[in-house]
């Protein structure tokens, strides 16, 4: 039953169009949790890189850590909410989802990935973020009336 519920949850996210993905089309990432790790704990020094998701001040960034223990016990400038195996993939460009990358490229800001449905109502998309130039006075890639004042 749990597998069925998990599959339905993944299907709902994918069908909403708000999947965190990199420009390489890697699709949604399955975050591994930090259960069992204690912040400030002691870790071994093996190199088995992970790309960790860090939430801070309403935004999300991704950062490469040498291993899962170091990521999950990190006292980084935010809350490490999970990780995926392997190094992060650089920065996200304009209009790209900020998933599995080390944040937005310079000059861009991360905004929510909310979008409107056919009736024009704004829909939540979860915890996804899009890298944009929101605030520059132009409604650009990844921006819409639901997530950026430039598109009002």
Protein backbone atom coordinates (compact mmCIF):
# COMPACT_ATOMS: atom_id res chain seq x y z
CA UNK A 1 0.00 0.00 0.00
CA UNK A 2 2.87 2.39 0.83
CA UNK A 3 4.42 1.79 -2.61
CA UNK A 4 1.11 2.62 -4.28
CA UNK A 5 0.78 5.86 -2.31
CA UNK A 6 4.40 6.80 -3.10
CA UNK A 7 3.84 6.09 -6.80
CA UNK A 8 0.68 8.23 -6.80
CA UNK A 9 2.54 11.09 -5.08
CA UNK A 10 5.33 10.97 -7.69
CA UNK A 11 2.76 10.87 -10.49
CA UNK A 12 1.00 13.94 -9.06
CA UNK A 13 4.25 15.92 -8.93
CA UNK A 14 5.31 14.89 -12.44
CA UNK A 15 1.93 15.67 -13.96
CA UNK A 16 1.91 19.12 -12.35
CA UNK A 17 4.93 20.15 -14.41
CA UNK A 18 6.81 21.26 -11.30
CA UNK A 19 9.54 18.68 -11.17
CA UNK A 20 12.93 19.82 -10.01
CA UNK A 21 15.36 18.99 -12.76
CA UNK A 22 18.59 20.19 -14.20
CA UNK A 23 19.12 21.36 -17.76
CA UNK A 24 20.32 17.85 -18.61
CA UNK A 25 16.75 16.57 -18.17
CA UNK A 26 17.62 14.34 -15.23
CA UNK A 27 14.04 14.63 -13.93
CA UNK A 28 12.97 14.43 -10.33
CA UNK A 29 15.48 13.38 -7.75
CA UNK A 30 14.60 11.09 -4.87
CA UNK A 31 16.04 12.76 -1.80
CA UNK A 32 17.52 10.51 0.83
CA UNK A 33 16.74 11.71 4.33
CA UNK A 34 19.11 12.66 7.10
CA UNK A 35 17.47 10.40 9.69
CA UNK A 36 20.05 8.84 11.96
CA UNK A 37 22.50 11.74 11.66
CA UNK A 38 22.89 14.28 14.44
CA UNK A 39 23.78 17.92 13.64
CA UNK A 40 27.31 18.64 14.74
CA UNK A 41 28.07 14.90 14.90
CA UNK A 42 31.36 13.20 14.05
CA UNK A 43 31.88 11.72 10.55
CA UNK A 44 34.46 9.58 8.78
CA UNK A 45 36.56 11.23 6.09
CA UNK A 46 35.83 8.95 3.09
CA UNK A 47 35.01 10.70 -0.19
CA UNK A 48 31.62 9.57 -1.46
CA UNK A 49 30.14 12.89 -2.67
CA UNK A 50 26.50 13.84 -2.25
CA UNK A 51 24.49 16.82 -3.46
CA UNK A 52 22.55 18.15 -0.46
CA UNK A 53 19.39 20.26 -0.50
CA UNK A 54 19.63 23.23 1.88
CA UNK A 55 16.59 25.35 2.75
CA UNK A 56 17.27 28.87 4.00
CA UNK A 57 15.20 32.03 4.23
CA UNK A 58 12.51 30.86 1.82
CA UNK A 59 14.89 29.61 -0.86
CA UNK A 60 16.65 26.38 -1.70
CA UNK A 61 20.25 25.82 -2.70
CA UNK A 62 22.19 22.68 -3.47
CA UNK A 63 25.75 22.10 -2.29
CA UNK A 64 28.24 19.27 -2.78
CA UNK A 65 29.52 17.64 0.42
CA UNK A 66 32.22 14.93 0.69
CA UNK A 67 29.73 12.35 2.06
CA UNK A 68 26.19 12.00 3.46
CA UNK A 69 27.31 12.22 7.07
CA UNK A 70 29.13 15.53 6.54
CA UNK A 71 26.09 16.92 4.67
CA UNK A 72 23.52 15.85 7.26
CA UNK A 73 25.55 16.89 10.30
CA UNK A 74 26.54 20.19 8.70
CA UNK A 75 25.74 23.38 10.50
CA UNK A 76 25.42 25.12 7.12
CA UNK A 77 23.66 28.46 6.67
CA UNK A 78 20.34 26.67 6.55
CA UNK A 79 18.63 23.33 7.09
CA UNK A 80 19.91 20.31 5.12
CA UNK A 81 16.68 18.51 4.21
CA UNK A 82 18.15 15.59 2.26
CA UNK A 83 20.64 14.59 -0.40
CA UNK A 84 21.19 12.62 -3.59
CA UNK A 85 24.33 10.61 -4.42
CA UNK A 86 26.97 12.35 -6.54
CA UNK A 87 28.25 15.88 -6.94
CA UNK A 88 25.95 18.81 -7.71
CA UNK A 89 25.84 19.96 -11.34
CA UNK A 90 27.01 23.60 -11.34
CA UNK A 91 24.50 26.46 -11.28
CA UNK A 92 20.99 26.76 -12.77
CA UNK A 93 20.44 29.19 -15.65
CA UNK A 94 17.51 31.52 -16.35
CA UNK A 95 14.19 29.66 -16.46
CA UNK A 96 15.71 26.39 -15.15
CA UNK A 97 14.47 24.52 -12.10
CA UNK A 98 17.02 24.82 -9.31
CA UNK A 99 17.21 21.10 -8.58
CA UNK A 100 20.47 19.20 -8.01
CA UNK A 101 22.51 22.24 -8.87
CA UNK A 102 24.47 24.56 -6.63
CA UNK A 103 21.91 27.37 -6.71
CA UNK A 104 21.18 29.94 -9.38
CA UNK A 105 23.90 31.31 -11.63
CA UNK A 106 25.16 34.83 -10.76
CA UNK A 107 22.62 37.58 -11.42
CA UNK A 108 19.62 35.27 -11.02
CA UNK A 109 17.25 34.78 -8.08
CA UNK A 110 15.29 31.68 -7.04
CA UNK A 111 11.50 32.08 -7.02
CA UNK A 112 8.69 29.55 -6.49
CA UNK A 113 7.51 27.48 -9.45
CA UNK A 114 3.82 28.27 -8.98
CA UNK A 115 1.82 28.58 -12.19
CA UNK A 116 -1.80 29.12 -13.20
CA UNK A 117 -4.23 26.47 -14.33
CA UNK A 118 -6.58 26.77 -17.34
CA UNK A 119 -8.98 28.96 -15.34
CA UNK A 120 -6.18 31.36 -14.31
CA UNK A 121 -6.04 30.24 -10.68
CA UNK A 122 -2.55 30.00 -9.19
CA UNK A 123 -1.49 26.48 -8.16
CA UNK A 124 1.11 25.53 -5.58
CA UNK A 125 3.86 23.29 -6.90
CA UNK A 126 5.55 22.16 -3.72
CA UNK A 127 9.11 23.06 -2.86
CA UNK A 128 10.44 23.67 -6.38
CA UNK A 129 12.29 26.83 -7.35
CA UNK A 130 13.05 28.44 -10.71
CA UNK A 131 16.06 30.70 -11.39
CA UNK A 132 14.94 34.00 -12.92
CA UNK A 133 15.57 37.73 -13.17
CA UNK A 134 12.33 38.49 -11.31
CA UNK A 135 12.29 42.12 -10.22
CA UNK A 136 13.93 43.52 -13.37
CA UNK A 137 10.62 44.85 -14.75
CA UNK A 138 10.39 42.24 -17.55
CA UNK A 139 8.32 39.04 -17.43
CA UNK A 140 11.00 36.53 -18.47
CA UNK A 141 11.62 32.77 -18.66
CA UNK A 142 10.20 30.84 -15.68
CA UNK A 143 8.20 33.85 -14.50
CA UNK A 144 4.41 34.18 -14.55
CA UNK A 145 1.61 36.07 -12.79
CA UNK A 146 1.67 33.59 -9.92
CA UNK A 147 5.35 33.84 -8.96
CA UNK A 148 6.73 37.21 -10.08
CA UNK A 149 5.59 40.84 -9.80
CA UNK A 150 7.03 41.57 -13.27
CA UNK A 151 4.17 39.57 -14.83
CA UNK A 152 1.17 41.25 -13.14
